[in-house]
Amino acid sequence: MTSVGNGQFEFIDSSSRIMYTTAHFAISQLELWDYMKKDTDSYMFSEDQEVHRIYAKIEQLGYNGHSGCSFGCTLRAMKFIAQNGYDKFREDYLATS
Protein backbone atom coordinates (compact mmCIF):
# COMPACT_ATOMS: atom_id res chain seq x y z
CA MET A 1 0.00 0.00 0.00
CA THR A 2 1.22 3.47 -0.87
CA SER A 3 1.80 5.74 2.12
CA VAL A 4 0.03 9.09 1.92
CA GLY A 5 2.34 10.50 4.61
CA ASN A 6 1.65 12.76 7.54
CA GLY A 7 0.43 15.78 5.57
CA GLN A 8 2.90 18.25 7.07
CA PHE A 9 4.58 19.33 3.79
CA GLU A 10 7.46 20.97 5.67
CA PHE A 11 9.47 21.09 2.42
CA ILE A 12 6.97 23.45 0.71
CA ASP A 13 6.93 27.23 1.09
CA SER A 14 4.59 28.43 3.83
CA SER A 15 2.19 30.25 1.50
CA SER A 16 1.47 27.01 -0.40
CA ARG A 17 1.79 24.67 2.57
CA ILE A 18 -1.61 25.59 4.00
CA MET A 19 -3.31 24.57 0.76
CA TYR A 20 -1.60 21.18 0.78
CA THR A 21 -2.02 20.48 4.50
CA THR A 22 -5.71 21.35 4.63
CA ALA A 23 -6.41 19.28 1.50
CA HIS A 24 -4.44 16.34 2.91
CA PHE A 25 -6.22 16.54 6.26
CA ALA A 26 -9.62 16.92 4.56
CA ILE A 27 -9.10 13.84 2.39
CA SER A 28 -7.80 11.88 5.38
CA GLN A 29 -10.69 12.88 7.64
CA LEU A 30 -13.22 12.07 4.93
CA GLU A 31 -11.41 8.79 4.19
CA LEU A 32 -11.26 9.57 0.48
CA TRP A 33 -7.72 8.49 -0.43
CA ASP A 34 -9.04 5.61 -2.55
CA TYR A 35 -11.38 8.05 -4.28
CA MET A 36 -8.40 10.30 -5.07
CA LYS A 37 -6.75 7.47 -7.01
CA LYS A 38 -9.53 7.59 -9.61
CA ASP A 39 -9.18 9.41 -12.91
CA THR A 40 -11.04 12.67 -13.25
CA ASP A 41 -11.18 15.22 -16.03
CA SER A 42 -11.45 18.23 -13.75
CA TYR A 43 -11.54 19.10 -10.09
CA MET A 44 -12.09 22.76 -10.79
CA PHE A 45 -15.34 22.18 -12.69
CA SER A 46 -16.38 18.94 -11.03
CA GLU A 47 -19.99 18.20 -10.14
CA ASP A 48 -18.89 15.15 -8.13
CA GLN A 49 -20.22 15.24 -4.58
CA GLU A 50 -16.96 13.89 -3.16
CA VAL A 51 -15.07 16.85 -4.62
CA HIS A 52 -17.62 19.19 -3.06
CA ARG A 53 -17.22 17.41 0.28
CA ILE A 54 -13.43 17.87 0.10
CA TYR A 55 -13.80 21.57 -0.69
CA ALA A 56 -16.24 22.09 2.20
CA LYS A 57 -13.96 20.22 4.61
CA ILE A 58 -10.97 22.33 3.53
CA GLU A 59 -12.95 25.45 4.37
CA GLN A 60 -14.06 23.90 7.67
CA LEU A 61 -10.39 23.26 8.47
CA GLY A 62 -9.73 26.97 8.11
CA TYR A 63 -8.59 27.61 4.54
CA ASN A 64 -10.97 29.53 2.29
CA GLY A 65 -8.53 31.18 -0.09
CA HIS A 66 -8.71 28.77 -3.03
CA SER A 67 -9.31 29.94 -6.54
CA GLY A 68 -10.64 27.32 -8.92
CA CYS A 69 -7.14 26.91 -10.31
CA SER A 70 -5.40 26.53 -6.93
CA PHE A 71 -8.03 24.02 -5.80
CA GLY A 72 -7.60 21.97 -8.98
CA CYS A 73 -3.80 22.04 -8.75
CA THR A 74 -3.88 21.11 -5.07
CA LEU A 75 -6.15 18.15 -5.70
CA ARG A 76 -3.93 17.02 -8.59
CA ALA A 77 -1.05 16.96 -6.09
CA MET A 78 -3.21 14.92 -3.69
CA LYS A 79 -4.08 12.55 -6.53
CA PHE A 80 -0.37 12.09 -7.23
CA ILE A 81 0.18 11.28 -3.55
CA ALA A 82 -2.73 8.81 -3.57
CA GLN A 83 -1.33 7.04 -6.61
CA ASN A 84 2.43 7.27 -6.00
CA GLY A 85 2.95 8.03 -2.31
CA TYR A 86 4.03 10.98 -0.21
CA ASP A 87 7.74 10.13 -0.43
CA LYS A 88 7.67 10.15 -4.24
CA PHE A 89 5.77 13.45 -4.19
CA ARG A 90 8.38 15.00 -1.89
CA GLU A 91 11.22 13.62 -3.99
CA ASP A 92 9.76 14.98 -7.24
CA TYR A 93 8.86 18.34 -5.67
CA LEU A 94 12.35 18.87 -4.30
CA ALA A 95 13.95 17.81 -7.58
CA THR A 96 12.08 20.57 -9.44
CA SER A 97 12.41 23.31 -6.81
PDB file of N, CA and C in Angstrom:
ATOM      1  N   MET A   1       0.840  -1.195   0.000  1.00  0.00           N
ATOM      2  CA  MET A   1       0.000   0.000   0.000  1.00  0.00           C
ATOM      3  C   MET A   1       0.878   1.249   0.000  1.00  0.00           C
ATOM      4  N   THR A   2       0.498   2.221  -0.766  1.00  0.00           N
ATOM      5  CA  THR A   2       1.222   3.474  -0.867  1.00  0.00           C
ATOM      6  C   THR A   2       0.925   4.339   0.349  1.00  0.00           C
ATOM      7  N   SER A   3       1.981   4.875   0.957  1.00  0.00           N
ATOM      8  CA  SER A   3       1.796   5.742   2.119  1.00  0.00           C
ATOM      9  C   SER A   3       1.454   7.161   1.672  1.00  0.00           C
ATOM     10  N   VAL A   4       0.398   7.718   2.243  1.00  0.00           N
ATOM     11  CA  VAL A   4       0.027   9.092   1.918  1.00  0.00           C
ATOM     12  C   VAL A   4       0.725  10.094   2.834  1.00  0.00           C
ATOM     13  N   GLY A   5       1.535   9.617   3.765  1.00  0.00           N
ATOM     14  CA  GLY A   5       2.337  10.498   4.609  1.00  0.00           C
ATOM     15  C   GLY A   5       1.542  11.163   5.713  1.00  0.00           C
ATOM     16  N   ASN A   6       2.227  12.091   6.376  1.00  0.00           N
ATOM     17  CA  ASN A   6       1.646  12.761   7.541  1.00  0.00           C
ATOM     18  C   ASN A   6       0.962  14.082   7.210  1.00  0.00           C
ATOM     19  N   GLY A   7       1.118  14.559   5.986  1.00  0.00           N
ATOM     20  CA  GLY A   7       0.429  15.781   5.572  1.00  0.00           C
ATOM     21  C   GLY A   7       1.036  17.070   6.081  1.00  0.00           C
ATOM     22  N   GLN A   8       2.286  17.037   6.533  1.00  0.00           N
ATOM     23  CA  GLN A   8       2.904  18.249   7.069  1.00  0.00           C
ATOM     24  C   GLN A   8       3.510  19.142   5.980  1.00  0.00           C
ATOM     25  N   PHE A   9       4.033  18.584   4.927  1.00  0.00           N
ATOM     26  CA  PHE A   9       4.585  19.335   3.794  1.00  0.00           C
ATOM     27  C   PHE A   9       5.589  20.394   4.231  1.00  0.00           C
ATOM     28  N   GLU A  10       6.465  20.039   5.148  1.00  0.00           N
ATOM     29  CA  GLU A  10       7.461  20.970   5.667  1.00  0.00           C
ATOM     30  C   GLU A  10       8.469  21.426   4.612  1.00  0.00           C
ATOM     31  N   PHE A  11       8.539  20.762   3.499  1.00  0.00           N
ATOM     32  CA  PHE A  11       9.471  21.089   2.423  1.00  0.00           C
ATOM     33  C   PHE A  11       8.887  22.094   1.422  1.00  0.00           C
ATOM     34  N   ILE A  12       7.646  22.511   1.622  1.00  0.00           N
ATOM     35  CA  ILE A  12       6.965  23.448   0.715  1.00  0.00           C
ATOM     36  C   ILE A  12       6.898  24.819   1.367  1.00  0.00           C
ATOM     37  N   ASP A  13       6.996  25.876   0.553  1.00  0.00           N
ATOM     38  CA  ASP A  13       6.931  27.235   1.092  1.00  0.00           C
ATOM     39  C   ASP A  13       5.644  27.433   1.887  1.00  0.00           C
ATOM     40  N   SER A  14       5.704  28.284   2.891  1.00  0.00           N
ATOM     41  CA  SER A  14       4.593  28.425   3.834  1.00  0.00           C
ATOM     42  C   SER A  14       3.311  28.933   3.182  1.00  0.00           C
ATOM     43  N   SER A  15       3.411  29.741   2.142  1.00  0.00           N
ATOM     44  CA  SER A  15       2.192  30.250   1.500  1.00  0.00           C
ATOM     45  C   SER A  15       1.429  29.138   0.766  1.00  0.00           C
ATOM     46  N   SER A  16       2.116  28.140   0.264  1.00  0.00           N
ATOM     47  CA  SER A  16       1.473  27.007  -0.403  1.00  0.00           C
ATOM     48  C   SER A  16       1.168  25.873   0.568  1.00  0.00           C
ATOM     49  N   ARG A  17       1.935  25.784   1.635  1.00  0.00           N
ATOM     50  CA  ARG A  17       1.794  24.666   2.569  1.00  0.00           C
ATOM     51  C   ARG A  17       0.372  24.538   3.117  1.00  0.00           C
ATOM     52  N   ILE A  18      -0.255  25.650   3.439  1.00  0.00           N
ATOM     53  CA  ILE A  18      -1.610  25.594   4.005  1.00  0.00           C
ATOM     54  C   ILE A  18      -2.603  24.951   3.036  1.00  0.00           C
ATOM     55  N   MET A  19      -2.427  25.190   1.754  1.00  0.00           N
ATOM     56  CA  MET A  19      -3.312  24.575   0.761  1.00  0.00           C
ATOM     57  C   MET A  19      -3.142  23.057   0.760  1.00  0.00           C
ATOM     58  N   TYR A  20      -1.894  22.614   0.810  1.00  0.00           N
ATOM     59  CA  TYR A  20      -1.603  21.180   0.785  1.00  0.00           C
ATOM     60  C   TYR A  20      -2.014  20.509   2.091  1.00  0.00           C
ATOM     61  N   THR A  21      -1.705  21.130   3.222  1.00  0.00           N
ATOM     62  CA  THR A  21      -2.016  20.481   4.503  1.00  0.00           C
ATOM     63  C   THR A  21      -3.523  20.370   4.715  1.00  0.00           C
ATOM     64  N   THR A  22      -4.265  21.429   4.416  1.00  0.00           N
ATOM     65  CA  THR A  22      -5.711  21.347   4.626  1.00  0.00           C
ATOM     66  C   THR A  22      -6.360  20.346   3.670  1.00  0.00           C
ATOM     67  N   ALA A  23      -5.879  20.278   2.442  1.00  0.00           N
ATOM     68  CA  ALA A  23      -6.413  19.282   1.500  1.00  0.00           C
ATOM     69  C   ALA A  23      -6.083  17.870   1.988  1.00  0.00           C
ATOM     70  N   HIS A  24      -4.853  17.655   2.416  1.00  0.00           N
ATOM     71  CA  HIS A  24      -4.437  16.344   2.906  1.00  0.00           C
ATOM     72  C   HIS A  24      -5.275  15.932   4.113  1.00  0.00           C
ATOM     73  N   PHE A  25      -5.430  16.848   5.072  1.00  0.00           N
ATOM     74  CA  PHE A  25      -6.219  16.535   6.263  1.00  0.00           C
ATOM     75  C   PHE A  25      -7.686  16.304   5.908  1.00  0.00           C
ATOM     76  N   ALA A  26      -8.224  17.089   4.978  1.00  0.00           N
ATOM     77  CA  ALA A  26      -9.621  16.917   4.558  1.00  0.00           C
ATOM     78  C   ALA A  26      -9.834  15.534   3.953  1.00  0.00           C
ATOM     79  N   ILE A  27      -8.971  15.147   3.042  1.00  0.00           N
ATOM     80  CA  ILE A  27      -9.096  13.840   2.387  1.00  0.00           C
ATOM     81  C   ILE A  27      -8.931  12.720   3.407  1.00  0.00           C
ATOM     82  N   SER A  28      -8.002  12.892   4.337  1.00  0.00           N
ATOM     83  CA  SER A  28      -7.800  11.880   5.384  1.00  0.00           C
ATOM     84  C   SER A  28      -9.021  11.769   6.283  1.00  0.00           C
ATOM     85  N   GLN A  29      -9.534  12.897   6.738  1.00  0.00           N
ATOM     86  CA  GLN A  29     -10.687  12.876   7.636  1.00  0.00           C
ATOM     87  C   GLN A  29     -11.937  12.314   6.961  1.00  0.00           C
ATOM     88  N   LEU A  30     -12.079  12.586   5.682  1.00  0.00           N
ATOM     89  CA  LEU A  30     -13.221  12.071   4.929  1.00  0.00           C
ATOM     90  C   LEU A  30     -12.995  10.647   4.413  1.00  0.00           C
ATOM     91  N   GLU A  31     -11.787  10.133   4.636  1.00  0.00           N
ATOM     92  CA  GLU A  31     -11.407   8.787   4.194  1.00  0.00           C
ATOM     93  C   GLU A  31     -11.613   8.615   2.690  1.00  0.00           C
ATOM     94  N   LEU A  32     -11.072   9.566   1.931  1.00  0.00           N
ATOM     95  CA  LEU A  32     -11.260   9.567   0.477  1.00  0.00           C
ATOM     96  C   LEU A  32      -9.967   9.337  -0.311  1.00  0.00           C
ATOM     97  N   TRP A  33      -8.959   8.727   0.311  1.00  0.00           N
ATOM     98  CA  TRP A  33      -7.716   8.492  -0.430  1.00  0.00           C
ATOM     99  C   TRP A  33      -7.925   7.516  -1.592  1.00  0.00           C
ATOM    100  N   ASP A  34      -8.753   6.507  -1.426  1.00  0.00           N
ATOM    101  CA  ASP A  34      -9.042   5.605  -2.550  1.00  0.00           C
ATOM    102  C   ASP A  34      -9.777   6.345  -3.658  1.00  0.00           C
ATOM    103  N   TYR A  35     -10.688   7.229  -3.285  1.00  0.00           N
ATOM    104  CA  TYR A  35     -11.385   8.052  -4.280  1.00  0.00           C
ATOM    105  C   TYR A  35     -10.383   8.892  -5.078  1.00  0.00           C
ATOM    106  N   MET A  36      -9.373   9.431  -4.404  1.00  0.00           N
ATOM    107  CA  MET A  36      -8.401  10.300  -5.071  1.00  0.00           C
ATOM    108  C   MET A  36      -7.552   9.557  -6.088  1.00  0.00           C
ATOM    109  N   LYS A  37      -7.513   8.250  -6.034  1.00  0.00           N
ATOM    110  CA  LYS A  37      -6.750   7.467  -7.015  1.00  0.00           C
ATOM    111  C   LYS A  37      -7.456   7.414  -8.368  1.00  0.00           C
ATOM    112  N   LYS A  38      -8.736   7.696  -8.384  1.00  0.00           N
ATOM    113  CA  LYS A  38      -9.527   7.589  -9.611  1.00  0.00           C
ATOM    114  C   LYS A  38      -9.206   8.716 -10.585  1.00  0.00           C
ATOM    115  N   ASP A  39      -9.365   8.397 -11.869  1.00  0.00           N
ATOM    116  CA  ASP A  39      -9.175   9.407 -12.907  1.00  0.00           C
ATOM    117  C   ASP A  39     -10.337  10.392 -12.894  1.00  0.00           C
ATOM    118  N   THR A  40     -10.012  11.630 -13.137  1.00  0.00           N
ATOM    119  CA  THR A  40     -11.040  12.667 -13.254  1.00  0.00           C
ATOM    120  C   THR A  40     -10.583  13.681 -14.288  1.00  0.00           C
ATOM    121  N   ASP A  41     -11.521  14.221 -15.020  1.00  0.00           N
ATOM    122  CA  ASP A  41     -11.183  15.220 -16.027  1.00  0.00           C
ATOM    123  C   ASP A  41     -10.871  16.567 -15.393  1.00  0.00           C
ATOM    124  N   SER A  42     -11.607  16.910 -14.352  1.00  0.00           N
ATOM    125  CA  SER A  42     -11.450  18.229 -13.753  1.00  0.00           C
ATOM    126  C   SER A  42     -11.889  18.206 -12.297  1.00  0.00           C
ATOM    127  N   TYR A  43     -11.099  18.838 -11.453  1.00  0.00           N
ATOM    128  CA  TYR A  43     -11.540  19.101 -10.089  1.00  0.00           C
ATOM    129  C   TYR A  43     -12.168  20.484 -10.019  1.00  0.00           C
ATOM    130  N   MET A  44     -11.633  21.385 -10.813  1.00  0.00           N
ATOM    131  CA  MET A  44     -12.089  22.763 -10.789  1.00  0.00           C
ATOM    132  C   MET A  44     -13.556  22.884 -11.207  1.00  0.00           C
ATOM    133  N   PHE A  45     -13.975  22.102 -12.171  1.00  0.00           N
ATOM    134  CA  PHE A  45     -15.340  22.185 -12.687  1.00  0.00           C
ATOM    135  C   PHE A  45     -16.173  20.954 -12.343  1.00  0.00           C
ATOM    136  N   SER A  46     -15.734  20.199 -11.370  1.00  0.00           N
ATOM    137  CA  SER A  46     -16.384  18.936 -11.034  1.00  0.00           C
ATOM    138  C   SER A  46     -17.763  19.143 -10.412  1.00  0.00           C
ATOM    139  N   GLU A  47     -18.671  18.264 -10.767  1.00  0.00           N
ATOM    140  CA  GLU A  47     -19.995  18.204 -10.139  1.00  0.00           C
ATOM    141  C   GLU A  47     -20.069  17.021  -9.169  1.00  0.00           C
ATOM    142  N   ASP A  48     -18.953  16.324  -9.004  1.00  0.00           N
ATOM    143  CA  ASP A  48     -18.893  15.151  -8.132  1.00  0.00           C
ATOM    144  C   ASP A  48     -19.054  15.559  -6.670  1.00  0.00           C
ATOM    145  N   GLN A  49     -19.944  14.891  -5.974  1.00  0.00           N
ATOM    146  CA  GLN A  49     -20.224  15.236  -4.582  1.00  0.00           C
ATOM    147  C   GLN A  49     -19.009  15.054  -3.683  1.00  0.00           C
ATOM    148  N   GLU A  50     -18.155  14.098  -3.985  1.00  0.00           N
ATOM    149  CA  GLU A  50     -16.957  13.890  -3.164  1.00  0.00           C
ATOM    150  C   GLU A  50     -16.014  15.089  -3.267  1.00  0.00           C
ATOM    151  N   VAL A  51     -15.897  15.657  -4.441  1.00  0.00           N
ATOM    152  CA  VAL A  51     -15.070  16.853  -4.617  1.00  0.00           C
ATOM    153  C   VAL A  51     -15.658  18.006  -3.819  1.00  0.00           C
ATOM    154  N   HIS A  52     -16.963  18.142  -3.841  1.00  0.00           N
ATOM    155  CA  HIS A  52     -17.620  19.195  -3.061  1.00  0.00           C
ATOM    156  C   HIS A  52     -17.430  18.971  -1.563  1.00  0.00           C
ATOM    157  N   ARG A  53     -17.465  17.727  -1.132  1.00  0.00           N
ATOM    158  CA  ARG A  53     -17.222  17.414   0.284  1.00  0.00           C
ATOM    159  C   ARG A  53     -15.797  17.804   0.688  1.00  0.00           C
ATOM    160  N   ILE A  54     -14.827  17.511  -0.185  1.00  0.00           N
ATOM    161  CA  ILE A  54     -13.434  17.866   0.103  1.00  0.00           C
ATOM    162  C   ILE A  54     -13.302  19.378   0.227  1.00  0.00           C
ATOM    163  N   TYR A  55     -13.878  20.106  -0.715  1.00  0.00           N
ATOM    164  CA  TYR A  55     -13.799  21.570  -0.690  1.00  0.00           C
ATOM    165  C   TYR A  55     -14.409  22.129   0.597  1.00  0.00           C
ATOM    166  N   ALA A  56     -15.573  21.615   0.967  1.00  0.00           N
ATOM    167  CA  ALA A  56     -16.242  22.088   2.196  1.00  0.00           C
ATOM    168  C   ALA A  56     -15.402  21.773   3.432  1.00  0.00           C
ATOM    169  N   LYS A  57     -14.786  20.607   3.462  1.00  0.00           N
ATOM    170  CA  LYS A  57     -13.957  20.221   4.607  1.00  0.00           C
ATOM    171  C   LYS A  57     -12.713  21.099   4.686  1.00  0.00           C
ATOM    172  N   ILE A  58     -12.122  21.428   3.546  1.00  0.00           N
ATOM    173  CA  ILE A  58     -10.965  22.331   3.532  1.00  0.00           C
ATOM    174  C   ILE A  58     -11.346  23.666   4.165  1.00  0.00           C
ATOM    175  N   GLU A  59     -12.485  24.188   3.779  1.00  0.00           N
ATOM    176  CA  GLU A  59     -12.948  25.448   4.374  1.00  0.00           C
ATOM    177  C   GLU A  59     -13.211  25.284   5.864  1.00  0.00           C
ATOM    178  N   GLN A  60     -13.795  24.167   6.253  1.00  0.00           N
ATOM    179  CA  GLN A  60     -14.059  23.904   7.665  1.00  0.00           C
ATOM    180  C   GLN A  60     -12.750  23.832   8.460  1.00  0.00           C
ATOM    181  N   LEU A  61     -11.694  23.353   7.824  1.00  0.00           N
ATOM    182  CA  LEU A  61     -10.390  23.264   8.470  1.00  0.00           C
ATOM    183  C   LEU A  61      -9.665  24.606   8.529  1.00  0.00           C
ATOM    184  N   GLY A  62     -10.267  25.625   7.946  1.00  0.00           N
ATOM    185  CA  GLY A  62      -9.732  26.965   8.110  1.00  0.00           C
ATOM    186  C   GLY A  62      -9.104  27.619   6.899  1.00  0.00           C
ATOM    187  N   TYR A  63      -9.151  26.956   5.734  1.00  0.00           N
ATOM    188  CA  TYR A  63      -8.594  27.605   4.543  1.00  0.00           C
ATOM    189  C   TYR A  63      -9.718  27.887   3.559  1.00  0.00           C
ATOM    190  N   ASN A  64      -9.937  29.170   3.260  1.00  0.00           N
ATOM    191  CA  ASN A  64     -10.972  29.531   2.287  1.00  0.00           C
ATOM    192  C   ASN A  64     -10.433  30.458   1.209  1.00  0.00           C
ATOM    193  N   GLY A  65      -9.156  30.308   0.899  1.00  0.00           N
ATOM    194  CA  GLY A  65      -8.531  31.178  -0.091  1.00  0.00           C
ATOM    195  C   GLY A  65      -8.305  30.558  -1.451  1.00  0.00           C
ATOM    196  N   HIS A  66      -8.932  29.414  -1.731  1.00  0.00           N
ATOM    197  CA  HIS A  66      -8.707  28.766  -3.029  1.00  0.00           C
ATOM    198  C   HIS A  66      -9.408  29.495  -4.167  1.00  0.00           C
ATOM    199  N   SER A  67      -8.683  29.633  -5.260  1.00  0.00           N
ATOM    200  CA  SER A  67      -9.313  29.941  -6.540  1.00  0.00           C
ATOM    201  C   SER A  67      -9.654  28.584  -7.158  1.00  0.00           C
ATOM    202  N   GLY A  68     -10.376  28.584  -8.239  1.00  0.00           N
ATOM    203  CA  GLY A  68     -10.638  27.321  -8.921  1.00  0.00           C
ATOM    204  C   GLY A  68      -9.351  26.641  -9.346  1.00  0.00           C
ATOM    205  N   CYS A  69      -8.419  27.444  -9.842  1.00  0.00           N
ATOM    206  CA  CYS A  69      -7.143  26.906 -10.308  1.00  0.00           C
ATOM    207  C   CYS A  69      -6.328  26.317  -9.157  1.00  0.00           C
ATOM    208  N   SER A  70      -6.219  27.045  -8.051  1.00  0.00           N
ATOM    209  CA  SER A  70      -5.404  26.532  -6.935  1.00  0.00           C
ATOM    210  C   SER A  70      -6.036  25.275  -6.346  1.00  0.00           C
ATOM    211  N   PHE A  71      -7.351  25.213  -6.295  1.00  0.00           N
ATOM    212  CA  PHE A  71      -8.030  24.020  -5.800  1.00  0.00           C
ATOM    213  C   PHE A  71      -7.738  22.833  -6.718  1.00  0.00           C
ATOM    214  N   GLY A  72      -7.874  23.047  -8.019  1.00  0.00           N
ATOM    215  CA  GLY A  72      -7.597  21.974  -8.975  1.00  0.00           C
ATOM    216  C   GLY A  72      -6.163  21.491  -8.899  1.00  0.00           C
ATOM    217  N   CYS A  73      -5.222  22.411  -8.839  1.00  0.00           N
ATOM    218  CA  CYS A  73      -3.801  22.040  -8.750  1.00  0.00           C
ATOM    219  C   CYS A  73      -3.498  21.305  -7.451  1.00  0.00           C
ATOM    220  N   THR A  74      -4.095  21.762  -6.365  1.00  0.00           N
ATOM    221  CA  THR A  74      -3.880  21.115  -5.072  1.00  0.00           C
ATOM    222  C   THR A  74      -4.414  19.691  -5.090  1.00  0.00           C
ATOM    223  N   LEU A  75      -5.603  19.499  -5.646  1.00  0.00           N
ATOM    224  CA  LEU A  75      -6.152  18.147  -5.699  1.00  0.00           C
ATOM    225  C   LEU A  75      -5.385  17.256  -6.665  1.00  0.00           C
ATOM    226  N   ARG A  76      -4.802  17.822  -7.709  1.00  0.00           N
ATOM    227  CA  ARG A  76      -3.935  17.023  -8.594  1.00  0.00           C
ATOM    228  C   ARG A  76      -2.718  16.530  -7.816  1.00  0.00           C
ATOM    229  N   ALA A  77      -2.174  17.375  -6.941  1.00  0.00           N
ATOM    230  CA  ALA A  77      -1.051  16.958  -6.093  1.00  0.00           C
ATOM    231  C   ALA A  77      -1.495  15.845  -5.151  1.00  0.00           C
ATOM    232  N   MET A  78      -2.701  15.960  -4.584  1.00  0.00           N
ATOM    233  CA  MET A  78      -3.209  14.925  -3.686  1.00  0.00           C
ATOM    234  C   MET A  78      -3.453  13.621  -4.452  1.00  0.00           C
ATOM    235  N   LYS A  79      -3.898  13.739  -5.695  1.00  0.00           N
ATOM    236  CA  LYS A  79      -4.080  12.547  -6.533  1.00  0.00           C
ATOM    237  C   LYS A  79      -2.740  11.859  -6.770  1.00  0.00           C
ATOM    238  N   PHE A  80      -1.705  12.654  -7.035  1.00  0.00           N
ATOM    239  CA  PHE A  80      -0.368  12.091  -7.227  1.00  0.00           C
ATOM    240  C   PHE A  80       0.058  11.333  -5.970  1.00  0.00           C
ATOM    241  N   ILE A  81      -0.178  11.928  -4.808  1.00  0.00           N
ATOM    242  CA  ILE A  81       0.180  11.280  -3.547  1.00  0.00           C
ATOM    243  C   ILE A  81      -0.610   9.989  -3.377  1.00  0.00           C
ATOM    244  N   ALA A  82      -1.897  10.007  -3.681  1.00  0.00           N
ATOM    245  CA  ALA A  82      -2.729   8.806  -3.566  1.00  0.00           C
ATOM    246  C   ALA A  82      -2.213   7.686  -4.464  1.00  0.00           C
ATOM    247  N   GLN A  83      -1.762   8.051  -5.645  1.00  0.00           N
ATOM    248  CA  GLN A  83      -1.329   7.044  -6.610  1.00  0.00           C
ATOM    249  C   GLN A  83       0.127   6.619  -6.445  1.00  0.00           C
ATOM    250  N   ASN A  84       0.985   7.542  -5.998  1.00  0.00           N
ATOM    251  CA  ASN A  84       2.426   7.271  -5.995  1.00  0.00           C
ATOM    252  C   ASN A  84       3.093   7.360  -4.628  1.00  0.00           C
ATOM    253  N   GLY A  85       2.408   7.921  -3.661  1.00  0.00           N
ATOM    254  CA  GLY A  85       2.951   8.035  -2.312  1.00  0.00           C
ATOM    255  C   GLY A  85       3.537   9.405  -2.011  1.00  0.00           C
ATOM    256  N   TYR A  86       3.524   9.701  -0.727  1.00  0.00           N
ATOM    257  CA  TYR A  86       4.028  10.980  -0.213  1.00  0.00           C
ATOM    258  C   TYR A  86       5.523  11.128  -0.463  1.00  0.00           C
ATOM    259  N   ASP A  87       6.280  10.054  -0.246  1.00  0.00           N
ATOM    260  CA  ASP A  87       7.738  10.132  -0.434  1.00  0.00           C
ATOM    261  C   ASP A  87       8.103  10.467  -1.869  1.00  0.00           C
ATOM    262  N   LYS A  88       7.419   9.858  -2.823  1.00  0.00           N
ATOM    263  CA  LYS A  88       7.675  10.148  -4.242  1.00  0.00           C
ATOM    264  C   LYS A  88       7.282  11.583  -4.568  1.00  0.00           C
ATOM    265  N   PHE A  89       6.175  12.064  -3.985  1.00  0.00           N
ATOM    266  CA  PHE A  89       5.769  13.454  -4.190  1.00  0.00           C
ATOM    267  C   PHE A  89       6.855  14.396  -3.684  1.00  0.00           C
ATOM    268  N   ARG A  90       7.326  14.159  -2.468  1.00  0.00           N
ATOM    269  CA  ARG A  90       8.380  15.002  -1.890  1.00  0.00           C
ATOM    270  C   ARG A  90       9.640  14.963  -2.754  1.00  0.00           C
ATOM    271  N   GLU A  91      10.039  13.782  -3.154  1.00  0.00           N
ATOM    272  CA  GLU A  91      11.225  13.620  -3.991  1.00  0.00           C
ATOM    273  C   GLU A  91      11.103  14.419  -5.294  1.00  0.00           C
ATOM    274  N   ASP A  92       9.979  14.265  -5.978  1.00  0.00           N
ATOM    275  CA  ASP A  92       9.764  14.981  -7.244  1.00  0.00           C
ATOM    276  C   ASP A  92       9.666  16.487  -7.022  1.00  0.00           C
ATOM    277  N   TYR A  93       9.002  16.912  -5.966  1.00  0.00           N
ATOM    278  CA  TYR A  93       8.857  18.338  -5.672  1.00  0.00           C
ATOM    279  C   TYR A  93      10.214  18.972  -5.423  1.00  0.00           C
ATOM    280  N   LEU A  94      11.034  18.322  -4.622  1.00  0.00           N
ATOM    281  CA  LEU A  94      12.354  18.871  -4.299  1.00  0.00           C
ATOM    282  C   LEU A  94      13.288  18.862  -5.500  1.00  0.00           C
ATOM    283  N   ALA A  95      13.122  17.898  -6.387  1.00  0.00           N
ATOM    284  CA  ALA A  95      13.952  17.808  -7.583  1.00  0.00           C
ATOM    285  C   ALA A  95      13.667  18.948  -8.559  1.00  0.00           C
ATOM    286  N   THR A  96      12.446  19.499  -8.507  1.00  0.00           N
ATOM    287  CA  THR A  96      12.081  20.567  -9.439  1.00  0.00           C
ATOM    288  C   THR A  96      12.086  21.949  -8.794  1.00  0.00           C
ATOM    289  N   SER A  97      12.403  22.001  -7.517  1.00  0.00           N
ATOM    290  CA  SER A  97      12.406  23.308  -6.806  1.00  0.00           C
ATOM    291  C   SER A  97      13.743  23.985  -6.910  1.00  0.00           C
TER     292      SER A  97
END
